Amino acid sequence: MNDQACFVRATITAGIRTVYYDRGSGPTLVLLHGMFGDYTDWEPVLEPLSRTSRVIAPDLPGFGDSQKPDAPYDGAFFVDWLTSFLKELGISNLVLVGNSFGGEVAILFALAYPNRVRQLVLVSSGGLRFYNEQERSLLREKFSVENLASLTPEVHEWMFRPIFAEKALAWRHYLEKQNAKLSRSDRTEYARALHRSMLTAFSLYFDDELSRLKMPVLLAWGDGDVVFPLPLAEHALAKLPNGELVLLERAGHAPQLENRDAFVGAIERFVRVGMPAGARR
């Protein structure tokens, strides 16, 4: 982690201070983390991927060490921010990678700017499950700003348990990282950003838009993902014009944390030749 800190920078993007990891050269990979996350959600794969690519992993606005403004945190907000962020870094063509909520942001950007996204990687992505109004109402109440601002280590353990297929070192490290956020001075602003981002996440459903994603799309899924189970990926695969699905064994909702080698291998092959070895149609 200390070595990685050498590659962490900050910039002002659309008026928002944005912290990001930037290392390597070659094809540009931009990695977008999921809900409750930050750039360290990619920690095990950052250095390996940077051996063959330029790897950029930002803390989304409202998350990690990036600024947490009083903003809508809707789809347009994140697309505008990402557009400005890429312009600031001089990136016009990229491989866009998103995990969970980061996948939703990635899809939104790829739909808005298809000519800028060379390849799209959706890692156990959101946006593929429909939430009806009753479900959204219950989730709004469950994840209210007040509830999110008063989380405890005990609630964290219950809430984040489904993310991991195996309760090993990666699980314990992730839980420690989440518990450390409870003592941050910007906890209230973080709860506000989380709540609004979650409302966005629950409202997005891309079933009718998937056919518009003409670029090569890799669906990288943990075989033990219970948050967004495999049938969601298989349904999406059937709608993608140029899609591939690769299963990452012994991994849950954040496979980059549980099966680093398989994840890195799948991404490197996809970037190099457009499809991963052993992919399924």
C-alpha atoms as a PDB file:
ATOM      1  CA  MET A   1       0.000   0.000   0.000  1.00  0.00           C
ATOM      2  CA  ASN A   2       2.908   2.362   0.716  1.00  0.00           C
ATOM      3  CA  ASP A   3       4.288   1.738  -2.774  1.00  0.00           C
ATOM      4  CA  GLN A   4       0.887   2.472  -4.274  1.00  0.00           C
ATOM      5  CA  ALA A   5       0.664   5.758  -2.373  1.00  0.00           C
ATOM      6  CA  CYS A   6       3.521   7.051  -4.542  1.00  0.00           C
ATOM      7  CA  PHE A   7       1.174   6.955  -7.536  1.00  0.00           C
ATOM      8  CA  VAL A   8      -1.788   8.739  -5.914  1.00  0.00           C
ATOM      9  CA  ARG A   9      -2.490  12.233  -7.182  1.00  0.00           C
ATOM     10  CA  ALA A  10      -5.224  14.852  -6.990  1.00  0.00           C
ATOM     11  CA  THR A  11      -6.776  17.254  -9.455  1.00  0.00           C
ATOM     12  CA  ILE A  12      -9.725  19.627  -9.641  1.00  0.00           C
ATOM     13  CA  THR A  13     -12.364  18.127 -11.915  1.00  0.00           C
ATOM     14  CA  ALA A  14     -15.563  20.055 -12.655  1.00  0.00           C
ATOM     15  CA  GLY A  15     -14.824  22.040  -9.517  1.00  0.00           C
ATOM     16  CA  ILE A  16     -14.447  18.867  -7.422  1.00  0.00           C
ATOM     17  CA  ARG A  17     -11.158  17.790  -5.886  1.00  0.00           C
ATOM     18  CA  THR A  18     -10.608  14.278  -7.198  1.00  0.00           C
ATOM     19  CA  VAL A  19      -8.046  11.825  -5.836  1.00  0.00           C
ATOM     20  CA  TYR A  20      -6.835   9.116  -8.192  1.00  0.00           C
ATOM     21  CA  TYR A  21      -4.208   6.424  -8.732  1.00  0.00           C
ATOM     22  CA  ASP A  22      -2.190   6.734 -11.948  1.00  0.00           C
ATOM     23  CA  ARG A  23       0.591   4.354 -12.965  1.00  0.00           C
ATOM     24  CA  GLY A  24       2.015   2.613 -16.017  1.00  0.00           C
ATOM     25  CA  SER A  25       2.005   3.149 -19.770  1.00  0.00           C
ATOM     26  CA  GLY A  26       0.235   1.620 -22.749  1.00  0.00           C
ATOM     27  CA  PRO A  27      -3.526   1.308 -23.289  1.00  0.00           C
ATOM     28  CA  THR A  28      -5.392   3.420 -20.747  1.00  0.00           C
ATOM     29  CA  LEU A  29      -7.560   1.537 -18.258  1.00  0.00           C
ATOM     30  CA  VAL A  30      -9.875   3.625 -16.065  1.00  0.00           C
ATOM     31  CA  LEU A  31     -11.210   1.643 -13.110  1.00  0.00           C
ATOM     32  CA  LEU A  32     -14.413   2.788 -11.378  1.00  0.00           C
ATOM     33  CA  HIS A  33     -15.145   1.364  -7.945  1.00  0.00           C
ATOM     34  CA  GLY A  34     -18.482   0.371  -6.477  1.00  0.00           C
ATOM     35  CA  MET A  35     -20.734   1.698  -3.723  1.00  0.00           C
ATOM     36  CA  PHE A  36     -19.061   2.290  -0.339  1.00  0.00           C
ATOM     37  CA  GLY A  37     -15.747   2.037  -2.200  1.00  0.00           C
ATOM     38  CA  ASP A  38     -12.704   3.998  -3.296  1.00  0.00           C
ATOM     39  CA  TYR A  39      -9.727   3.364  -5.546  1.00  0.00           C
ATOM     40  CA  THR A  40      -8.296   0.831  -3.063  1.00  0.00           C
ATOM     41  CA  ASP A  41     -11.124  -1.530  -4.018  1.00  0.00           C
ATOM     42  CA  TRP A  42      -8.750  -2.325  -6.907  1.00  0.00           C
ATOM     43  CA  GLU A  43      -5.683  -2.585  -4.663  1.00  0.00           C
ATOM     44  CA  PRO A  44      -4.552  -6.153  -5.525  1.00  0.00           C
ATOM     45  CA  VAL A  45      -4.728  -5.593  -9.301  1.00  0.00           C
ATOM     46  CA  LEU A  46      -3.345  -2.061  -9.639  1.00  0.00           C
ATOM     47  CA  GLU A  47       0.342  -2.924  -9.845  1.00  0.00           C
ATOM     48  CA  PRO A  48      -0.085  -6.084 -11.984  1.00  0.00           C
ATOM     49  CA  LEU A  49      -2.273  -4.293 -14.536  1.00  0.00           C
ATOM     50  CA  SER A  50       0.102  -1.324 -14.679  1.00  0.00           C
ATOM     51  CA  ARG A  51       2.848  -3.572 -16.077  1.00  0.00           C
ATOM     52  CA  THR A  52       1.131  -3.582 -19.470  1.00  0.00           C
ATOM     53  CA  SER A  53      -1.265  -0.600 -19.317  1.00  0.00           C
ATOM     54  CA  ARG A  54      -1.687   2.864 -17.898  1.00  0.00           C
ATOM     55  CA  VAL A  55      -3.994   2.286 -14.942  1.00  0.00           C
ATOM     56  CA  ILE A  56      -6.095   5.136 -13.557  1.00  0.00           C
ATOM     57  CA  ALA A  57      -8.358   4.483 -10.592  1.00  0.00           C
ATOM     58  CA  PRO A  58     -10.175   7.514  -9.159  1.00  0.00           C
ATOM     59  CA  ASP A  59     -12.109   7.937  -5.962  1.00  0.00           C
ATOM     60  CA  LEU A  60     -15.507   8.867  -7.379  1.00  0.00           C
ATOM     61  CA  PRO A  61     -16.815  12.240  -6.155  1.00  0.00           C
ATOM     62  CA  GLY A  62     -18.458  11.688  -2.799  1.00  0.00           C
ATOM     63  CA  PHE A  63     -16.226   8.708  -2.018  1.00  0.00           C
ATOM     64  CA  GLY A  64     -12.806   7.993  -0.540  1.00  0.00           C
ATOM     65  CA  ASP A  65     -10.589  11.052  -0.336  1.00  0.00           C
ATOM     66  CA  SER A  66     -12.314  12.903  -3.164  1.00  0.00           C
ATOM     67  CA  GLN A  67     -14.456  15.910  -2.345  1.00  0.00           C
ATOM     68  CA  LYS A  68     -18.045  15.264  -1.265  1.00  0.00           C
ATOM     69  CA  PRO A  69     -20.078  18.252  -2.470  1.00  0.00           C
ATOM     70  CA  ASP A  70     -23.791  18.831  -1.936  1.00  0.00           C
ATOM     71  CA  ALA A  71     -24.626  17.494  -5.407  1.00  0.00           C
ATOM     72  CA  PRO A  72     -27.368  15.310  -6.937  1.00  0.00           C
ATOM     73  CA  TYR A  73     -25.120  12.261  -7.524  1.00  0.00           C
ATOM     74  CA  ASP A  74     -27.380  11.222 -10.386  1.00  0.00           C
ATOM     75  CA  GLY A  75     -26.335   9.749 -13.703  1.00  0.00           C
ATOM     76  CA  ALA A  76     -25.737  13.110 -15.379  1.00  0.00           C
ATOM     77  CA  PHE A  77     -23.578  14.261 -12.460  1.00  0.00           C
ATOM     78  CA  PHE A  78     -21.242  11.254 -12.700  1.00  0.00           C
ATOM     79  CA  VAL A  79     -21.033  11.385 -16.516  1.00  0.00           C
ATOM     80  CA  ASP A  80     -20.220  15.104 -16.438  1.00  0.00           C
ATOM     81  CA  TRP A  81     -17.591  14.531 -13.770  1.00  0.00           C
ATOM     82  CA  LEU A  82     -15.989  11.626 -15.669  1.00  0.00           C
ATOM     83  CA  THR A  83     -15.980  13.636 -18.899  1.00  0.00           C
ATOM     84  CA  SER A  84     -14.161  16.486 -17.158  1.00  0.00           C
ATOM     85  CA  PHE A  85     -11.782  14.103 -15.380  1.00  0.00           C
ATOM     86  CA  LEU A  86     -10.718  12.441 -18.637  1.00  0.00           C
ATOM     87  CA  LYS A  87     -10.299  15.833 -20.317  1.00  0.00           C
ATOM     88  CA  GLU A  88      -8.139  17.027 -17.432  1.00  0.00           C
ATOM     89  CA  LEU A  89      -5.885  13.979 -17.869  1.00  0.00           C
ATOM     90  CA  GLY A  90      -5.840  14.270 -21.668  1.00  0.00           C
ATOM     91  CA  ILE A  91      -7.547  10.911 -22.270  1.00  0.00           C
ATOM     92  CA  SER A  92      -9.665  10.599 -25.399  1.00  0.00           C
ATOM     93  CA  ASN A  93      -9.735   6.810 -25.858  1.00  0.00           C
ATOM     94  CA  LEU A  94      -9.862   4.263 -23.058  1.00  0.00           C
ATOM     95  CA  VAL A  95     -10.781   0.865 -21.751  1.00  0.00           C
ATOM     96  CA  LEU A  96     -13.445   1.591 -19.138  1.00  0.00           C
ATOM     97  CA  VAL A  97     -13.782  -0.848 -16.236  1.00  0.00           C
ATOM     98  CA  GLY A  98     -16.532  -0.632 -13.609  1.00  0.00           C
ATOM     99  CA  ASN A  99     -17.412  -2.788 -10.608  1.00  0.00           C
ATOM    100  CA  SER A 100     -20.985  -2.785  -9.243  1.00  0.00           C
ATOM    101  CA  PHE A 101     -22.094   0.885  -9.123  1.00  0.00           C
ATOM    102  CA  GLY A 102     -18.945   1.768 -11.043  1.00  0.00           C
ATOM    103  CA  GLY A 103     -20.292  -0.464 -13.803  1.00  0.00           C
ATOM    104  CA  GLU A 104     -23.430   1.646 -13.973  1.00  0.00           C
ATOM    105  CA  VAL A 105     -21.375   4.823 -14.321  1.00  0.00           C
ATOM    106  CA  ALA A 106     -19.284   3.086 -16.989  1.00  0.00           C
ATOM    107  CA  ILE A 107     -22.383   2.075 -18.964  1.00  0.00           C
ATOM    108  CA  LEU A 108     -23.787   5.605 -18.769  1.00  0.00           C
ATOM    109  CA  PHE A 109     -20.526   7.048 -20.098  1.00  0.00           C
ATOM    110  CA  ALA A 110     -20.226   4.422 -22.856  1.00  0.00           C
ATOM    111  CA  LEU A 111     -23.776   5.178 -24.003  1.00  0.00           C
ATOM    112  CA  ALA A 112     -23.080   8.920 -24.015  1.00  0.00           C
ATOM    113  CA  TYR A 113     -19.634   8.692 -25.673  1.00  0.00           C
ATOM    114  CA  PRO A 114     -19.415   5.369 -27.539  1.00  0.00           C
ATOM    115  CA  ASN A 115     -16.570   6.534 -29.778  1.00  0.00           C
ATOM    116  CA  ARG A 116     -14.350   7.227 -26.774  1.00  0.00           C
ATOM    117  CA  VAL A 117     -14.704   3.816 -25.134  1.00  0.00           C
ATOM    118  CA  ARG A 118     -12.520   1.331 -26.970  1.00  0.00           C
ATOM    119  CA  GLN A 119     -13.586  -1.570 -24.753  1.00  0.00           C
ATOM    120  CA  LEU A 120     -15.922  -1.874 -21.788  1.00  0.00           C
ATOM    121  CA  VAL A 121     -15.437  -4.202 -18.816  1.00  0.00           C
ATOM    122  CA  LEU A 122     -18.369  -4.712 -16.444  1.00  0.00           C
ATOM    123  CA  VAL A 123     -17.297  -6.420 -13.224  1.00  0.00           C
ATOM    124  CA  SER A 124     -20.332  -7.853 -11.407  1.00  0.00           C
ATOM    125  CA  SER A 125     -22.047  -4.693 -12.606  1.00  0.00           C
ATOM    126  CA  GLY A 126     -25.165  -2.971 -11.415  1.00  0.00           C
ATOM    127  CA  GLY A 127     -27.809  -1.645 -13.780  1.00  0.00           C
ATOM    128  CA  LEU A 128     -28.892  -5.111 -14.898  1.00  0.00           C
ATOM    129  CA  ARG A 129     -31.531  -5.700 -12.209  1.00  0.00           C
ATOM    130  CA  PHE A 130     -34.912  -3.976 -12.175  1.00  0.00           C
ATOM    131  CA  TYR A 131     -36.144  -2.588  -8.848  1.00  0.00           C
ATOM    132  CA  ASN A 132     -39.858  -1.890  -8.659  1.00  0.00           C
ATOM    133  CA  GLU A 133     -41.237   1.111  -6.808  1.00  0.00           C
ATOM    134  CA  GLN A 134     -41.963  -0.872  -3.637  1.00  0.00           C
ATOM    135  CA  GLU A 135     -38.381  -2.144  -3.534  1.00  0.00           C
ATOM    136  CA  ARG A 136     -36.973   1.329  -4.159  1.00  0.00           C
ATOM    137  CA  SER A 137     -39.133   2.771  -1.394  1.00  0.00           C
ATOM    138  CA  LEU A 138     -37.888   0.163   1.098  1.00  0.00           C
ATOM    139  CA  LEU A 139     -34.283   0.736   0.059  1.00  0.00           C
ATOM    140  CA  ARG A 140     -34.669   4.531   0.384  1.00  0.00           C
ATOM    141  CA  GLU A 141     -35.782   4.010   3.974  1.00  0.00           C
ATOM    142  CA  LYS A 142     -33.184   1.372   4.797  1.00  0.00           C
ATOM    143  CA  PHE A 143     -30.334   3.453   3.382  1.00  0.00           C
ATOM    144  CA  SER A 144     -31.472   6.861   4.584  1.00  0.00           C
ATOM    145  CA  VAL A 145     -28.859   9.513   5.281  1.00  0.00           C
ATOM    146  CA  GLU A 146     -29.496   9.064   9.011  1.00  0.00           C
ATOM    147  CA  ASN A 147     -28.968   5.307   8.878  1.00  0.00           C
ATOM    148  CA  LEU A 148     -25.845   5.604   6.733  1.00  0.00           C
ATOM    149  CA  ALA A 149     -24.399   8.211   9.087  1.00  0.00           C
ATOM    150  CA  SER A 150     -24.851   5.905  12.072  1.00  0.00           C
ATOM    151  CA  LEU A 151     -23.358   2.676  10.770  1.00  0.00           C
ATOM    152  CA  THR A 152     -21.381   0.520  13.202  1.00  0.00           C
ATOM    153  CA  PRO A 153     -18.790  -2.260  12.835  1.00  0.00           C
ATOM    154  CA  GLU A 154     -21.527  -4.788  13.638  1.00  0.00           C
ATOM    155  CA  VAL A 155     -23.759  -3.447  10.872  1.00  0.00           C
ATOM    156  CA  HIS A 156     -20.799  -3.397   8.503  1.00  0.00           C
ATOM    157  CA  GLU A 157     -20.106  -7.074   9.133  1.00  0.00           C
ATOM    158  CA  TRP A 158     -23.706  -7.988   8.346  1.00  0.00           C
ATOM    159  CA  MET A 159     -24.023  -5.617   5.388  1.00  0.00           C
ATOM    160  CA  PHE A 160     -20.783  -6.503   3.598  1.00  0.00           C
ATOM    161  CA  ARG A 161     -20.795 -10.248   4.250  1.00  0.00           C
ATOM    162  CA  PRO A 162     -22.522 -11.066   0.908  1.00  0.00           C
ATOM    163  CA  ILE A 163     -19.788  -9.340  -1.114  1.00  0.00           C
ATOM    164  CA  PHE A 164     -17.251 -12.104  -0.556  1.00  0.00           C
ATOM    165  CA  ALA A 165     -17.464 -15.763  -1.535  1.00  0.00           C
ATOM    166  CA  GLU A 166     -14.886 -16.741   1.069  1.00  0.00           C
ATOM    167  CA  LYS A 167     -14.339 -15.102   4.453  1.00  0.00           C
ATOM    168  CA  ALA A 168     -10.571 -15.008   4.169  1.00  0.00           C
ATOM    169  CA  LEU A 169      -7.907 -12.306   4.336  1.00  0.00           C
ATOM    170  CA  ALA A 170      -9.526 -10.151   1.641  1.00  0.00           C
ATOM    171  CA  TRP A 171     -12.780 -10.069   3.608  1.00  0.00           C
ATOM    172  CA  ARG A 172     -11.068  -9.052   6.860  1.00  0.00           C
ATOM    173  CA  HIS A 173      -9.024  -6.354   5.116  1.00  0.00           C
ATOM    174  CA  TYR A 174     -12.137  -4.941   3.446  1.00  0.00           C
ATOM    175  CA  LEU A 175     -14.044  -4.858   6.748  1.00  0.00           C
ATOM    176  CA  GLU A 176     -11.175  -3.064   8.488  1.00  0.00           C
ATOM    177  CA  LYS A 177     -11.130  -0.472   5.714  1.00  0.00           C
ATOM    178  CA  GLN A 178     -14.874   0.147   6.016  1.00  0.00           C
ATOM    179  CA  ASN A 179     -14.694   0.405   9.810  1.00  0.00           C
ATOM    180  CA  ALA A 180     -11.925   3.002   9.525  1.00  0.00           C
ATOM    181  CA  LYS A 181     -14.341   5.248   7.621  1.00  0.00           C
ATOM    182  CA  LEU A 182     -16.549   5.516  10.710  1.00  0.00           C
ATOM    183  CA  SER A 183     -14.097   7.953  12.312  1.00  0.00           C
ATOM    184  CA  ARG A 184     -13.638  10.220   9.281  1.00  0.00           C
ATOM    185  CA  SER A 185     -14.370  13.902   9.759  1.00  0.00           C
ATOM    186  CA  ASP A 186     -16.432  13.985   6.543  1.00  0.00           C
ATOM    187  CA  ARG A 187     -18.719  11.136   7.606  1.00  0.00           C
ATOM    188  CA  THR A 188     -21.888  13.233   7.311  1.00  0.00           C
ATOM    189  CA  GLU A 189     -21.046  14.389   3.786  1.00  0.00           C
ATOM    190  CA  TYR A 190     -20.148  10.821   2.875  1.00  0.00           C
ATOM    191  CA  ALA A 191     -23.524   9.549   4.120  1.00  0.00           C
ATOM    192  CA  ARG A 192     -25.278  12.162   1.993  1.00  0.00           C
ATOM    193  CA  ALA A 193     -23.298  11.173  -1.103  1.00  0.00           C
ATOM    194  CA  LEU A 194     -23.921   7.482  -0.445  1.00  0.00           C
ATOM    195  CA  HIS A 195     -27.658   7.955  -0.050  1.00  0.00           C
ATOM    196  CA  ARG A 196     -28.063   9.931  -3.262  1.00  0.00           C
ATOM    197  CA  SER A 197     -25.757   7.591  -5.196  1.00  0.00           C
ATOM    198  CA  MET A 198     -27.735   4.589  -3.992  1.00  0.00           C
ATOM    199  CA  LEU A 199     -30.994   6.165  -5.148  1.00  0.00           C
ATOM    200  CA  THR A 200     -29.365   6.507  -8.562  1.00  0.00           C
ATOM    201  CA  ALA A 201     -28.116   2.923  -8.510  1.00  0.00           C
ATOM    202  CA  PHE A 202     -31.558   1.526  -7.692  1.00  0.00           C
ATOM    203  CA  SER A 203     -33.213   3.570 -10.445  1.00  0.00           C
ATOM    204  CA  LEU A 204     -30.953   2.574 -13.354  1.00  0.00           C
ATOM    205  CA  TYR A 205     -31.890  -0.400 -15.529  1.00  0.00           C
ATOM    206  CA  PHE A 206     -30.143  -0.742 -18.878  1.00  0.00           C
ATOM    207  CA  ASP A 207     -31.974  -3.690 -20.394  1.00  0.00           C
ATOM    208  CA  ASP A 208     -33.252  -1.691 -23.371  1.00  0.00           C
ATOM    209  CA  GLU A 209     -29.935   0.132 -23.916  1.00  0.00           C
ATOM    210  CA  LEU A 210     -27.516  -2.811 -23.956  1.00  0.00           C
ATOM    211  CA  SER A 211     -27.938  -3.294 -27.708  1.00  0.00           C
ATOM    212  CA  ARG A 212     -26.478   0.194 -28.208  1.00  0.00           C
ATOM    213  CA  LEU A 213     -23.141  -0.846 -26.733  1.00  0.00           C
ATOM    214  CA  LYS A 214     -21.378  -1.782 -29.985  1.00  0.00           C
ATOM    215  CA  MET A 215     -17.838  -1.863 -28.556  1.00  0.00           C
ATOM    216  CA  PRO A 216     -16.402  -5.153 -27.219  1.00  0.00           C
ATOM    217  CA  VAL A 217     -17.857  -5.709 -23.755  1.00  0.00           C
ATOM    218  CA  LEU A 218     -16.427  -8.129 -21.208  1.00  0.00           C
ATOM    219  CA  LEU A 219     -18.690  -9.279 -18.400  1.00  0.00           C
ATOM    220  CA  ALA A 220     -16.307 -10.394 -15.632  1.00  0.00           C
ATOM    221  CA  TRP A 221     -18.346 -12.126 -12.941  1.00  0.00           C
ATOM    222  CA  GLY A 222     -17.530 -13.826  -9.683  1.00  0.00           C
ATOM    223  CA  ASP A 223     -18.970 -17.340  -9.771  1.00  0.00           C
ATOM    224  CA  GLY A 224     -20.157 -16.838  -6.189  1.00  0.00           C
ATOM    225  CA  ASP A 225     -21.734 -13.388  -6.601  1.00  0.00           C
ATOM    226  CA  VAL A 226     -24.984 -13.324  -4.618  1.00  0.00           C
ATOM    227  CA  VAL A 227     -25.447  -9.543  -4.881  1.00  0.00           C
ATOM    228  CA  PHE A 228     -25.931  -9.668  -8.667  1.00  0.00           C
ATOM    229  CA  PRO A 229     -26.130 -13.388  -9.479  1.00  0.00           C
ATOM    230  CA  LEU A 230     -24.871 -14.931 -12.698  1.00  0.00           C
ATOM    231  CA  PRO A 231     -28.285 -15.095 -14.492  1.00  0.00           C
ATOM    232  CA  LEU A 232     -28.236 -11.273 -14.660  1.00  0.00           C
ATOM    233  CA  ALA A 233     -24.959 -11.406 -16.578  1.00  0.00           C
ATOM    234  CA  GLU A 234     -26.226 -14.170 -18.856  1.00  0.00           C
ATOM    235  CA  HIS A 235     -29.346 -12.146 -19.656  1.00  0.00           C
ATOM    236  CA  ALA A 236     -27.199  -9.084 -20.448  1.00  0.00           C
ATOM    237  CA  LEU A 237     -24.844 -11.163 -22.592  1.00  0.00           C
ATOM    238  CA  ALA A 238     -27.702 -12.160 -24.897  1.00  0.00           C
ATOM    239  CA  LYS A 239     -28.443  -8.466 -25.557  1.00  0.00           C
ATOM    240  CA  LEU A 240     -24.898  -7.259 -26.195  1.00  0.00           C
ATOM    241  CA  PRO A 241     -23.839  -7.122 -29.876  1.00  0.00           C
ATOM    242  CA  ASN A 242     -20.196  -7.889 -29.038  1.00  0.00           C
ATOM    243  CA  GLY A 243     -20.214  -9.338 -25.552  1.00  0.00           C
ATOM    244  CA  GLU A 244     -18.219 -11.997 -23.748  1.00  0.00           C
ATOM    245  CA  LEU A 245     -18.629 -13.503 -20.303  1.00  0.00           C
ATOM    246  CA  VAL A 246     -15.859 -14.876 -18.148  1.00  0.00           C
ATOM    247  CA  LEU A 247     -16.450 -16.470 -14.752  1.00  0.00           C
ATOM    248  CA  LEU A 248     -13.892 -15.883 -12.019  1.00  0.00           C
ATOM    249  CA  GLU A 249     -13.766 -18.831  -9.640  1.00  0.00           C
ATOM    250  CA  ARG A 250     -13.923 -18.623  -5.869  1.00  0.00           C
ATOM    251  CA  ALA A 251     -14.983 -14.988  -6.049  1.00  0.00           C
ATOM    252  CA  GLY A 252     -18.037 -12.960  -5.124  1.00  0.00           C
ATOM    253  CA  HIS A 253     -19.189  -9.443  -5.924  1.00  0.00           C
ATOM    254  CA  ALA A 254     -15.678  -7.922  -6.025  1.00  0.00           C
ATOM    255  CA  PRO A 255     -13.694 -10.633  -7.841  1.00  0.00           C
ATOM    256  CA  GLN A 256     -10.635  -8.409  -8.202  1.00  0.00           C
ATOM    257  CA  LEU A 257     -10.209  -8.702  -4.431  1.00  0.00           C
ATOM    258  CA  GLU A 258     -10.615 -12.482  -4.209  1.00  0.00           C
ATOM    259  CA  ASN A 259      -9.084 -13.881  -7.384  1.00  0.00           C
ATOM    260  CA  ARG A 260      -6.461 -11.381  -8.474  1.00  0.00           C
ATOM    261  CA  ASP A 261      -4.570 -13.595 -10.913  1.00  0.00           C
ATOM    262  CA  ALA A 262      -7.643 -14.730 -12.851  1.00  0.00           C
ATOM    263  CA  PHE A 263      -8.983 -11.178 -12.935  1.00  0.00           C
ATOM    264  CA  VAL A 264      -5.721  -9.674 -14.203  1.00  0.00           C
ATOM    265  CA  GLY A 265      -5.334 -12.445 -16.776  1.00  0.00           C
ATOM    266  CA  ALA A 266      -8.850 -11.902 -18.121  1.00  0.00           C
ATOM    267  CA  ILE A 267      -8.393  -8.133 -18.395  1.00  0.00           C
ATOM    268  CA  GLU A 268      -4.976  -8.375 -20.039  1.00  0.00           C
ATOM    269  CA  ARG A 269      -6.215 -10.865 -22.633  1.00  0.00           C
ATOM    270  CA  PHE A 270      -9.301  -8.776 -23.350  1.00  0.00           C
ATOM    271  CA  VAL A 271      -7.309  -5.580 -23.798  1.00  0.00           C
ATOM    272  CA  ARG A 272      -4.791  -7.348 -26.005  1.00  0.00           C
ATOM    273  CA  VAL A 273      -7.071  -9.282 -28.343  1.00  0.00           C
ATOM    274  CA  GLY A 274     -10.625  -8.130 -27.629  1.00  0.00           C
ATOM    275  CA  MET A 275     -11.833 -11.287 -25.933  1.00  0.00           C
ATOM    276  CA  PRO A 276     -10.667 -13.322 -22.937  1.00  0.00           C
ATOM    277  CA  ALA A 277      -9.469 -16.885 -23.231  1.00  0.00           C
ATOM    278  CA  GLY A 278     -12.187 -19.345 -22.249  1.00  0.00           C
ATOM    279  CA  ALA A 279     -14.951 -16.753 -22.577  1.00  0.00           C
ATOM    280  CA  ARG A 280     -18.555 -17.873 -22.963  1.00  0.00           C
ATOM    281  CA  ARG A 281     -21.134 -16.546 -25.354  1.00  0.00           C
END
